[in-house]
C-alpha atoms as a PDB file:
ATOM      1  CA  UNK A   1     -56.226 -28.199  -4.572  1.00  0.00           C
ATOM      2  CA  UNK A   2     -54.156 -29.409  -7.520  1.00  0.00           C
ATOM      3  CA  UNK A   3     -51.527 -31.863  -6.303  1.00  0.00           C
ATOM      4  CA  UNK A   4     -48.271 -33.181  -7.731  1.00  0.00           C
ATOM      5  CA  UNK A   5     -47.633 -36.793  -6.772  1.00  0.00           C
ATOM      6  CA  UNK A   6     -44.164 -38.318  -6.966  1.00  0.00           C
ATOM      7  CA  UNK A   7     -43.330 -41.974  -7.588  1.00  0.00           C
ATOM      8  CA  UNK A   8     -40.145 -43.945  -8.288  1.00  0.00           C
ATOM      9  CA  UNK A   9     -40.277 -46.798 -10.794  1.00  0.00           C
ATOM     10  CA  UNK A  10     -37.273 -49.185 -11.022  1.00  0.00           C
ATOM     11  CA  UNK A  11     -37.340 -50.322 -14.651  1.00  0.00           C
ATOM     12  CA  UNK A  12     -34.261 -48.863 -16.358  1.00  0.00           C
ATOM     13  CA  UNK A  13     -31.224 -50.958 -17.359  1.00  0.00           C
ATOM     14  CA  UNK A  14     -28.327 -50.985 -14.878  1.00  0.00           C
ATOM     15  CA  UNK A  15     -26.192 -47.892 -15.028  1.00  0.00           C
ATOM     16  CA  UNK A  16     -28.843 -45.748 -16.729  1.00  0.00           C
ATOM     17  CA  UNK A  17     -29.426 -42.136 -15.766  1.00  0.00           C
ATOM     18  CA  UNK A  18     -32.787 -41.492 -14.072  1.00  0.00           C
ATOM     19  CA  UNK A  19     -35.564 -40.257 -16.366  1.00  0.00           C
ATOM     20  CA  UNK A  20     -38.324 -38.007 -15.038  1.00  0.00           C
ATOM     21  CA  UNK A  21     -41.744 -38.537 -16.608  1.00  0.00           C
ATOM     22  CA  UNK A  22     -44.634 -36.128 -16.064  1.00  0.00           C
ATOM     23  CA  UNK A  23     -47.935 -38.037 -16.359  1.00  0.00           C
ATOM     24  CA  UNK A  24     -50.996 -35.846 -16.940  1.00  0.00           C
ATOM     25  CA  UNK A  25     -54.515 -37.029 -17.660  1.00  0.00           C
ATOM     26  CA  UNK A  26     -58.202 -36.131 -17.715  1.00  0.00           C
ATOM     27  CA  UNK A  27     -57.950 -32.360 -17.780  1.00  0.00           C
ATOM     28  CA  UNK A  28     -61.543 -32.111 -19.117  1.00  0.00           C
ATOM     29  CA  UNK A  29     -60.661 -28.531 -19.952  1.00  0.00           C
ATOM     30  CA  UNK A  30     -63.236 -25.769 -20.269  1.00  0.00           C
ATOM     31  CA  UNK A  31     -62.114 -22.329 -21.455  1.00  0.00           C
ATOM     32  CA  UNK A  32     -62.930 -20.567 -18.175  1.00  0.00           C
ATOM     33  CA  UNK A  33     -60.806 -22.920 -16.004  1.00  0.00           C
ATOM     34  CA  UNK A  34     -57.850 -20.562 -15.812  1.00  0.00           C
ATOM     35  CA  UNK A  35     -56.549 -21.820 -12.438  1.00  0.00           C
ATOM     36  CA  UNK A  36     -56.179 -25.297 -13.899  1.00  0.00           C
ATOM     37  CA  UNK A  37     -54.487 -23.916 -17.003  1.00  0.00           C
ATOM     38  CA  UNK A  38     -52.031 -21.920 -14.897  1.00  0.00           C
ATOM     39  CA  UNK A  39     -51.200 -24.901 -12.677  1.00  0.00           C
ATOM     40  CA  UNK A  40     -50.507 -27.216 -15.627  1.00  0.00           C
ATOM     41  CA  UNK A  41     -48.431 -24.476 -17.236  1.00  0.00           C
ATOM     42  CA  UNK A  42     -46.370 -24.181 -14.022  1.00  0.00           C
ATOM     43  CA  UNK A  43     -45.406 -27.870 -14.201  1.00  0.00           C
ATOM     44  CA  UNK A  44     -43.191 -27.098 -17.205  1.00  0.00           C
ATOM     45  CA  UNK A  45     -40.817 -25.464 -14.704  1.00  0.00           C
ATOM     46  CA  UNK A  46     -40.040 -28.967 -13.399  1.00  0.00           C
ATOM     47  CA  UNK A  47     -38.327 -29.584 -16.765  1.00  0.00           C
ATOM     48  CA  UNK A  48     -39.327 -33.243 -17.005  1.00  0.00           C
ATOM     49  CA  UNK A  49     -37.488 -35.413 -19.514  1.00  0.00           C
ATOM     50  CA  UNK A  50     -40.779 -36.674 -20.963  1.00  0.00           C
ATOM     51  CA  UNK A  51     -44.503 -35.885 -20.804  1.00  0.00           C
ATOM     52  CA  UNK A  52     -47.142 -38.619 -21.137  1.00  0.00           C
ATOM     53  CA  UNK A  53     -50.712 -37.404 -21.694  1.00  0.00           C
ATOM     54  CA  UNK A  54     -53.329 -40.155 -21.339  1.00  0.00           C
ATOM     55  CA  UNK A  55     -56.302 -38.341 -22.801  1.00  0.00           C
ATOM     56  CA  UNK A  56     -59.636 -36.703 -22.005  1.00  0.00           C
ATOM     57  CA  UNK A  57     -58.025 -33.312 -22.455  1.00  0.00           C
ATOM     58  CA  UNK A  58     -61.216 -31.637 -23.657  1.00  0.00           C
ATOM     59  CA  UNK A  59     -64.285 -30.968 -21.542  1.00  0.00           C
ATOM     60  CA  UNK A  60     -66.066 -28.355 -23.627  1.00  0.00           C
ATOM     61  CA  UNK A  61     -66.486 -27.513 -27.291  1.00  0.00           C
ATOM     62  CA  UNK A  62     -64.087 -24.583 -26.790  1.00  0.00           C
ATOM     63  CA  UNK A  63     -61.745 -26.480 -24.481  1.00  0.00           C
ATOM     64  CA  UNK A  64     -58.910 -26.617 -27.005  1.00  0.00           C
ATOM     65  CA  UNK A  65     -58.060 -22.963 -26.325  1.00  0.00           C
ATOM     66  CA  UNK A  66     -57.587 -23.845 -22.654  1.00  0.00           C
ATOM     67  CA  UNK A  67     -55.356 -26.797 -23.558  1.00  0.00           C
ATOM     68  CA  UNK A  68     -53.187 -24.600 -25.744  1.00  0.00           C
ATOM     69  CA  UNK A  69     -52.869 -22.129 -22.858  1.00  0.00           C
ATOM     70  CA  UNK A  70     -52.139 -24.871 -20.327  1.00  0.00           C
ATOM     71  CA  UNK A  71     -49.247 -26.359 -22.303  1.00  0.00           C
ATOM     72  CA  UNK A  72     -47.452 -23.100 -23.057  1.00  0.00           C
ATOM     73  CA  UNK A  73     -43.795 -23.549 -22.179  1.00  0.00           C
ATOM     74  CA  UNK A  74     -43.691 -27.273 -22.968  1.00  0.00           C
ATOM     75  CA  UNK A  75     -41.926 -26.682 -26.278  1.00  0.00           C
ATOM     76  CA  UNK A  76     -38.826 -28.846 -26.535  1.00  0.00           C
ATOM     77  CA  UNK A  77     -39.968 -31.381 -23.931  1.00  0.00           C
ATOM     78  CA  UNK A  78     -40.526 -34.768 -25.627  1.00  0.00           C
ATOM     79  CA  UNK A  79     -43.987 -36.245 -25.169  1.00  0.00           C
ATOM     80  CA  UNK A  80     -46.467 -38.923 -26.198  1.00  0.00           C
ATOM     81  CA  UNK A  81     -50.257 -38.896 -26.071  1.00  0.00           C
ATOM     82  CA  UNK A  82     -53.409 -40.935 -26.607  1.00  0.00           C
ATOM     83  CA  UNK A  83     -57.013 -39.784 -26.850  1.00  0.00           C
ATOM     84  CA  UNK A  84     -59.913 -40.392 -24.511  1.00  0.00           C
ATOM     85  CA  UNK A  85     -63.606 -40.399 -25.396  1.00  0.00           C
ATOM     86  CA  UNK A  86     -63.933 -36.769 -24.295  1.00  0.00           C
ATOM     87  CA  UNK A  87     -61.398 -35.753 -26.905  1.00  0.00           C
ATOM     88  CA  UNK A  88     -64.009 -36.776 -29.496  1.00  0.00           C
ATOM     89  CA  UNK A  89     -67.355 -36.107 -27.808  1.00  0.00           C
ATOM     90  CA  UNK A  90     -68.568 -33.140 -25.796  1.00  0.00           C
ATOM     91  CA  UNK A  91     -69.929 -33.694 -22.254  1.00  0.00           C
ATOM     92  CA  UNK A  92     -73.576 -34.583 -21.741  1.00  0.00           C
ATOM     93  CA  UNK A  93     -75.907 -34.407 -18.772  1.00  0.00           C
ATOM     94  CA  UNK A  94     -76.236 -37.878 -17.223  1.00  0.00           C
ATOM     95  CA  UNK A  95     -77.670 -39.578 -14.174  1.00  0.00           C
ATOM     96  CA  UNK A  96     -74.394 -40.143 -12.353  1.00  0.00           C
ATOM     97  CA  UNK A  97     -76.001 -42.602  -9.891  1.00  0.00           C
ATOM     98  CA  UNK A  98     -75.907 -45.230 -12.616  1.00  0.00           C
ATOM     99  CA  UNK A  99     -72.129 -45.472 -12.126  1.00  0.00           C
ATOM    100  CA  UNK A 100     -72.867 -47.220  -8.828  1.00  0.00           C
ATOM    101  CA  UNK A 101     -74.503 -50.023 -10.809  1.00  0.00           C
ATOM    102  CA  UNK A 102     -72.247 -50.398 -13.854  1.00  0.00           C
ATOM    103  CA  UNK A 103     -69.552 -48.533 -15.734  1.00  0.00           C
ATOM    104  CA  UNK A 104     -70.389 -46.525 -18.821  1.00  0.00           C
ATOM    105  CA  UNK A 105     -68.123 -48.358 -21.259  1.00  0.00           C
ATOM    106  CA  UNK A 106     -69.134 -50.441 -24.234  1.00  0.00           C
ATOM    107  CA  UNK A 107     -71.238 -47.686 -25.770  1.00  0.00           C
ATOM    108  CA  UNK A 108     -71.285 -47.308 -29.527  1.00  0.00           C
ATOM    109  CA  UNK A 109     -68.755 -44.756 -30.693  1.00  0.00           C
ATOM    110  CA  UNK A 110     -70.436 -41.905 -32.550  1.00  0.00           C
ATOM    111  CA  UNK A 111     -68.867 -39.447 -35.003  1.00  0.00           C
ATOM    112  CA  UNK A 112     -66.731 -36.845 -33.240  1.00  0.00           C
ATOM    113  CA  UNK A 113     -68.347 -33.512 -32.443  1.00  0.00           C
ATOM    114  CA  UNK A 114     -65.224 -31.836 -31.009  1.00  0.00           C
ATOM    115  CA  UNK A 115     -62.231 -30.441 -32.894  1.00  0.00           C
ATOM    116  CA  UNK A 116     -60.049 -33.520 -32.374  1.00  0.00           C
ATOM    117  CA  UNK A 117     -57.827 -32.745 -35.408  1.00  0.00           C
ATOM    118  CA  UNK A 118     -56.904 -29.367 -33.899  1.00  0.00           C
ATOM    119  CA  UNK A 119     -56.033 -31.027 -30.575  1.00  0.00           C
ATOM    120  CA  UNK A 120     -53.837 -33.628 -32.257  1.00  0.00           C
ATOM    121  CA  UNK A 121     -52.250 -31.008 -34.507  1.00  0.00           C
ATOM    122  CA  UNK A 122     -51.325 -28.940 -31.456  1.00  0.00           C
ATOM    123  CA  UNK A 123     -49.703 -31.919 -29.740  1.00  0.00           C
ATOM    124  CA  UNK A 124     -47.903 -33.195 -32.843  1.00  0.00           C
ATOM    125  CA  UNK A 125     -46.881 -29.964 -34.590  1.00  0.00           C
ATOM    126  CA  UNK A 126     -47.046 -27.403 -31.803  1.00  0.00           C
ATOM    127  CA  UNK A 127     -45.277 -29.478 -29.153  1.00  0.00           C
ATOM    128  CA  UNK A 128     -43.609 -32.172 -31.241  1.00  0.00           C
ATOM    129  CA  UNK A 129     -45.241 -35.027 -29.348  1.00  0.00           C
ATOM    130  CA  UNK A 130     -45.812 -38.538 -30.706  1.00  0.00           C
ATOM    131  CA  UNK A 131     -49.361 -39.847 -31.071  1.00  0.00           C
ATOM    132  CA  UNK A 132     -49.897 -43.432 -29.897  1.00  0.00           C
ATOM    133  CA  UNK A 133     -53.527 -44.026 -30.863  1.00  0.00           C
ATOM    134  CA  UNK A 134     -53.205 -47.647 -32.036  1.00  0.00           C
ATOM    135  CA  UNK A 135     -49.606 -46.925 -32.913  1.00  0.00           C
ATOM    136  CA  UNK A 136     -45.994 -47.329 -31.765  1.00  0.00           C
ATOM    137  CA  UNK A 137     -43.130 -44.925 -31.252  1.00  0.00           C
ATOM    138  CA  UNK A 138     -39.625 -44.650 -29.857  1.00  0.00           C
ATOM    139  CA  UNK A 139     -37.714 -41.869 -28.075  1.00  0.00           C
ATOM    140  CA  UNK A 140     -34.133 -41.985 -26.777  1.00  0.00           C
ATOM    141  CA  UNK A 141     -33.591 -40.025 -23.556  1.00  0.00           C
ATOM    142  CA  UNK A 142     -30.275 -39.862 -21.702  1.00  0.00           C
ATOM    143  CA  UNK A 143     -28.966 -42.862 -23.652  1.00  0.00           C
ATOM    144  CA  UNK A 144     -31.957 -45.104 -22.906  1.00  0.00           C
ATOM    145  CA  UNK A 145     -34.401 -45.959 -25.685  1.00  0.00           C
ATOM    146  CA  UNK A 146     -38.027 -45.837 -24.617  1.00  0.00           C
ATOM    147  CA  UNK A 147     -40.195 -47.961 -26.895  1.00  0.00           C
ATOM    148  CA  UNK A 148     -43.898 -47.081 -26.743  1.00  0.00           C
ATOM    149  CA  UNK A 149     -47.069 -48.731 -27.915  1.00  0.00           C
ATOM    150  CA  UNK A 150     -50.540 -47.382 -27.310  1.00  0.00           C
ATOM    151  CA  UNK A 151     -54.203 -47.698 -28.144  1.00  0.00           C
ATOM    152  CA  UNK A 152     -57.044 -45.307 -28.812  1.00  0.00           C
ATOM    153  CA  UNK A 153     -59.683 -45.174 -26.076  1.00  0.00           C
ATOM    154  CA  UNK A 154     -60.848 -48.671 -25.025  1.00  0.00           C
ATOM    155  CA  UNK A 155     -63.818 -47.153 -23.188  1.00  0.00           C
ATOM    156  CA  UNK A 156     -65.605 -46.556 -26.477  1.00  0.00           C
ATOM    157  CA  UNK A 157     -64.112 -49.495 -28.367  1.00  0.00           C
ATOM    158  CA  UNK A 158     -61.511 -47.570 -30.356  1.00  0.00           C
ATOM    159  CA  UNK A 159     -58.608 -49.787 -29.244  1.00  0.00           C
ATOM    160  CA  UNK A 160     -57.103 -52.120 -31.843  1.00  0.00           C
ATOM    161  CA  UNK A 161     -55.138 -54.608 -29.795  1.00  0.00           C
ATOM    162  CA  UNK A 162     -55.096 -56.935 -32.802  1.00  0.00           C
ATOM    163  CA  UNK A 163     -52.723 -54.502 -34.541  1.00  0.00           C
ATOM    164  CA  UNK A 164     -50.106 -54.319 -31.794  1.00  0.00           C
ATOM    165  CA  UNK A 165     -48.154 -57.452 -32.670  1.00  0.00           C
ATOM    166  CA  UNK A 166     -47.790 -56.420 -36.300  1.00  0.00           C
ATOM    167  CA  UNK A 167     -46.778 -52.874 -35.405  1.00  0.00           C
ATOM    168  CA  UNK A 168     -44.185 -54.040 -32.893  1.00  0.00           C
ATOM    169  CA  UNK A 169     -42.777 -56.628 -35.311  1.00  0.00           C
ATOM    170  CA  UNK A 170     -42.539 -54.004 -38.067  1.00  0.00           C
ATOM    171  CA  UNK A 171     -40.658 -51.640 -35.774  1.00  0.00           C
ATOM    172  CA  UNK A 172     -38.220 -54.377 -34.775  1.00  0.00           C
ATOM    173  CA  UNK A 173     -37.644 -55.270 -38.439  1.00  0.00           C
ATOM    174  CA  UNK A 174     -36.870 -51.629 -39.233  1.00  0.00           C
ATOM    175  CA  UNK A 175     -34.446 -51.375 -36.327  1.00  0.00           C
ATOM    176  CA  UNK A 176     -32.608 -54.531 -37.399  1.00  0.00           C
ATOM    177  CA  UNK A 177     -31.903 -52.848 -40.757  1.00  0.00           C
ATOM    178  CA  UNK A 178     -30.986 -49.464 -39.289  1.00  0.00           C
ATOM    179  CA  UNK A 179     -27.366 -48.517 -40.032  1.00  0.00           C
ATOM    180  CA  UNK A 180     -26.834 -46.768 -36.687  1.00  0.00           C
ATOM    181  CA  UNK A 181     -27.573 -50.020 -34.818  1.00  0.00           C
ATOM    182  CA  UNK A 182     -30.241 -48.487 -32.580  1.00  0.00           C
ATOM    183  CA  UNK A 183     -31.270 -51.968 -31.500  1.00  0.00           C
ATOM    184  CA  UNK A 184     -28.128 -52.162 -29.329  1.00  0.00           C
ATOM    185  CA  UNK A 185     -29.292 -49.298 -27.098  1.00  0.00           C
ATOM    186  CA  UNK A 186     -30.686 -50.219 -23.677  1.00  0.00           C
ATOM    187  CA  UNK A 187     -34.476 -50.238 -24.101  1.00  0.00           C
ATOM    188  CA  UNK A 188     -37.535 -49.963 -21.867  1.00  0.00           C
ATOM    189  CA  UNK A 189     -41.079 -50.644 -23.125  1.00  0.00           C
ATOM    190  CA  UNK A 190     -44.020 -48.466 -22.042  1.00  0.00           C
ATOM    191  CA  UNK A 191     -47.697 -49.090 -22.845  1.00  0.00           C
ATOM    192  CA  UNK A 192     -50.079 -46.120 -22.959  1.00  0.00           C
ATOM    193  CA  UNK A 193     -53.891 -46.109 -22.908  1.00  0.00           C
ATOM    194  CA  UNK A 194     -56.638 -43.836 -21.679  1.00  0.00           C
ATOM    195  CA  UNK A 195     -58.876 -46.390 -19.944  1.00  0.00           C
ATOM    196  CA  UNK A 196     -57.176 -49.260 -18.060  1.00  0.00           C
ATOM    197  CA  UNK A 197     -59.453 -52.128 -19.021  1.00  0.00           C
ATOM    198  CA  UNK A 198     -58.239 -55.609 -18.106  1.00  0.00           C
ATOM    199  CA  UNK A 199     -58.054 -56.767 -21.723  1.00  0.00           C
ATOM    200  CA  UNK A 200     -55.743 -53.863 -22.541  1.00  0.00           C
ATOM    201  CA  UNK A 201     -53.509 -54.357 -19.518  1.00  0.00           C
ATOM    202  CA  UNK A 202     -53.223 -58.089 -20.236  1.00  0.00           C
ATOM    203  CA  UNK A 203     -52.285 -57.423 -23.854  1.00  0.00           C
ATOM    204  CA  UNK A 204     -49.708 -54.808 -22.872  1.00  0.00           C
ATOM    205  CA  UNK A 205     -48.052 -57.196 -20.412  1.00  0.00           C
ATOM    206  CA  UNK A 206     -48.054 -59.957 -23.048  1.00  0.00           C
ATOM    207  CA  UNK A 207     -46.337 -57.585 -25.471  1.00  0.00           C
ATOM    208  CA  UNK A 208     -43.554 -56.911 -22.985  1.00  0.00           C
ATOM    209  CA  UNK A 209     -44.478 -53.635 -21.274  1.00  0.00           C
ATOM    210  CA  UNK A 210     -42.274 -52.709 -18.330  1.00  0.00           C
ATOM    211  CA  UNK A 211     -44.595 -49.826 -17.383  1.00  0.00           C
ATOM    212  CA  UNK A 212     -48.219 -49.059 -18.276  1.00  0.00           C
ATOM    213  CA  UNK A 213     -49.676 -45.553 -17.979  1.00  0.00           C
ATOM    214  CA  UNK A 214     -53.420 -44.805 -18.013  1.00  0.00           C
ATOM    215  CA  UNK A 215     -56.047 -42.440 -16.658  1.00  0.00           C
ATOM    216  CA  UNK A 216     -59.846 -42.347 -17.056  1.00  0.00           C
ATOM    217  CA  UNK A 217     -60.877 -43.422 -13.535  1.00  0.00           C
ATOM    218  CA  UNK A 218     -60.573 -39.989 -11.864  1.00  0.00           C
ATOM    219  CA  UNK A 219     -59.355 -42.026  -8.894  1.00  0.00           C
ATOM    220  CA  UNK A 220     -63.014 -42.805  -8.217  1.00  0.00           C
ATOM    221  CA  UNK A 221     -63.748 -39.045  -8.063  1.00  0.00           C
ATOM    222  CA  UNK A 222     -66.068 -39.449  -5.075  1.00  0.00           C
ATOM    223  CA  UNK A 223     -64.364 -41.596  -2.453  1.00  0.00           C
ATOM    224  CA  UNK A 224     -65.127 -42.651   1.115  1.00  0.00           C
ATOM    225  CA  UNK A 225     -62.389 -41.911   3.663  1.00  0.00           C
ATOM    226  CA  UNK A 226     -60.666 -45.085   4.903  1.00  0.00           C
ATOM    227  CA  UNK A 227     -62.531 -47.085   2.229  1.00  0.00           C
ATOM    228  CA  UNK A 228     -61.540 -45.517  -1.070  1.00  0.00           C
ATOM    229  CA  UNK A 229     -63.206 -45.390  -4.447  1.00  0.00           C
ATOM    230  CA  UNK A 230     -66.760 -46.584  -4.859  1.00  0.00           C
ATOM    231  CA  UNK A 231     -66.416 -47.085  -8.618  1.00  0.00           C
ATOM    232  CA  UNK A 232     -63.683 -47.152 -11.287  1.00  0.00           C
ATOM    233  CA  UNK A 233     -65.827 -46.690 -14.445  1.00  0.00           C
ATOM    234  CA  UNK A 234     -64.048 -49.695 -15.980  1.00  0.00           C
ATOM    235  CA  UNK A 235     -63.291 -53.267 -14.898  1.00  0.00           C
ATOM    236  CA  UNK A 236     -60.061 -52.591 -13.011  1.00  0.00           C
ATOM    237  CA  UNK A 237     -60.105 -53.526  -9.277  1.00  0.00           C
ATOM    238  CA  UNK A 238     -60.953 -50.654  -6.936  1.00  0.00           C
ATOM    239  CA  UNK A 239     -57.648 -51.030  -5.105  1.00  0.00           C
ATOM    240  CA  UNK A 240     -55.833 -50.066  -8.337  1.00  0.00           C
ATOM    241  CA  UNK A 241     -58.082 -47.136  -9.239  1.00  0.00           C
ATOM    242  CA  UNK A 242     -55.178 -44.704  -8.914  1.00  0.00           C
ATOM    243  CA  UNK A 243     -51.476 -44.605  -8.170  1.00  0.00           C
ATOM    244  CA  UNK A 244     -48.659 -47.066  -8.747  1.00  0.00           C
ATOM    245  CA  UNK A 245     -49.248 -50.812  -8.529  1.00  0.00           C
ATOM    246  CA  UNK A 246     -48.314 -54.027 -10.340  1.00  0.00           C
ATOM    247  CA  UNK A 247     -50.384 -55.719 -13.031  1.00  0.00           C
ATOM    248  CA  UNK A 248     -49.792 -59.448 -13.485  1.00  0.00           C
ATOM    249  CA  UNK A 249     -50.834 -61.629 -16.406  1.00  0.00           C
ATOM    250  CA  UNK A 250     -49.706 -65.044 -17.645  1.00  0.00           C
ATOM    251  CA  UNK A 251     -46.707 -65.234 -15.276  1.00  0.00           C
ATOM    252  CA  UNK A 252     -45.519 -61.793 -16.359  1.00  0.00           C
ATOM    253  CA  UNK A 253     -45.932 -58.407 -14.731  1.00  0.00           C
ATOM    254  CA  UNK A 254     -45.553 -54.678 -15.336  1.00  0.00           C
ATOM    255  CA  UNK A 255     -45.766 -51.586 -13.213  1.00  0.00           C
ATOM    256  CA  UNK A 256     -49.118 -49.846 -13.670  1.00  0.00           C
ATOM    257  CA  UNK A 257     -49.674 -46.167 -12.965  1.00  0.00           C
ATOM    258  CA  UNK A 258     -53.244 -44.877 -13.126  1.00  0.00           C
ATOM    259  CA  UNK A 259     -53.589 -41.115 -12.823  1.00  0.00           C
ATOM    260  CA  UNK A 260     -56.503 -39.744 -10.819  1.00  0.00           C
ATOM    261  CA  UNK A 261     -56.503 -36.871 -13.308  1.00  0.00           C
ATOM    262  CA  UNK A 262     -57.010 -33.151 -13.016  1.00  0.00           C
ATOM    263  CA  UNK A 263     -60.623 -32.542 -13.984  1.00  0.00           C
ATOM    264  CA  UNK A 264     -64.233 -33.635 -14.001  1.00  0.00           C
ATOM    265  CA  UNK A 265     -67.176 -33.294 -16.328  1.00  0.00           C
ATOM    266  CA  UNK A 266     -68.582 -29.773 -16.253  1.00  0.00           C
ATOM    267  CA  UNK A 267     -71.896 -31.424 -15.337  1.00  0.00           C
ATOM    268  CA  UNK A 268     -70.409 -33.185 -12.290  1.00  0.00           C
ATOM    269  CA  UNK A 269     -67.777 -30.753 -10.967  1.00  0.00           C
ATOM    270  CA  UNK A 270     -67.307 -32.513  -7.636  1.00  0.00           C
ATOM    271  CA  UNK A 271     -64.438 -34.467  -6.099  1.00  0.00           C
ATOM    272  CA  UNK A 272     -64.528 -35.826  -2.572  1.00  0.00           C
ATOM    273  CA  UNK A 273     -61.518 -37.380  -0.781  1.00  0.00           C
ATOM    274  CA  UNK A 274     -59.806 -37.530  -4.177  1.00  0.00           C
ATOM    275  CA  UNK A 275     -57.586 -34.592  -5.062  1.00  0.00           C
ATOM    276  CA  UNK A 276     -56.999 -33.578  -8.697  1.00  0.00           C
ATOM    277  CA  UNK A 277     -53.454 -34.560  -9.543  1.00  0.00           C
ATOM    278  CA  UNK A 278     -50.587 -35.037 -11.932  1.00  0.00           C
ATOM    279  CA  UNK A 279     -47.641 -37.334 -11.211  1.00  0.00           C
ATOM    280  CA  UNK A 280     -43.892 -37.010 -11.633  1.00  0.00           C
ATOM    281  CA  UNK A 281     -42.533 -40.524 -12.130  1.00  0.00           C
ATOM    282  CA  UNK A 282     -38.789 -40.995 -11.770  1.00  0.00           C
ATOM    283  CA  UNK A 283     -37.587 -44.021 -13.722  1.00  0.00           C
ATOM    284  CA  UNK A 284     -34.461 -45.518 -12.156  1.00  0.00           C
ATOM    285  CA  UNK A 285     -32.344 -48.634 -12.766  1.00  0.00           C
ATOM    286  CA  UNK A 286     -33.963 -51.860 -11.655  1.00  0.00           C
ATOM    287  CA  UNK A 287     -32.330 -53.855  -8.893  1.00  0.00           C
ATOM    288  CA  UNK A 288     -31.436 -57.396  -9.726  1.00  0.00           C
END
């Protein structure tokens, strides 16, 4: 029951053309999941202006083949991506009841046992996407410059928020010296992370994000009708476990979109009252 959600986000400068952003997350791909691969592949027919992938693409040691199949036809569509913990580490059998007591973050990050370099190579070289794992980037679409900053997965402590200020300052210094005067273009700032931990969201807002995109929560995965998610697997409030909301910090705010994602662990292949989804966000000019 794969579902495409649609949201409108008013953050563009006045007079800008709308920009359509396809947000995908948490595919947790296994090679035999051909229905999921076909559905993701069909989304390329929407011809979005930008794709944002917020990680946990892999769900099996051979999942990369499924990812490559899923993103056939996305050539020429600009994109950005960050990694999630499952892009480094294969799934393990766990007692999922412990999620009712505490989230699983804060664990020590171990050496990767999945082919992360092949995944990143496919995104960067195969699709031409920009990696934002503790990095910054910029893409101009329809005359509007989208400035990005992102972090590697906070859920396993790979985020380097301490680097953001320096990276952003360096980018601004480069733009001020650029002969084509790119700094005069209308600009929107977008923060990208896999797991929407409060410390990350607060830092992104402080650094001027207009929009923050994340995944990780699976929308709660197992929800209670008329109540919602039981857990978020991070420290975000349950009411913001999925969908579009506003994140406020230090008298500033940004739109926050958390994707409920498209997959689950192969050892917990169950969703209840929480459909697997991707989202088409239409960025439009902000009203005064």
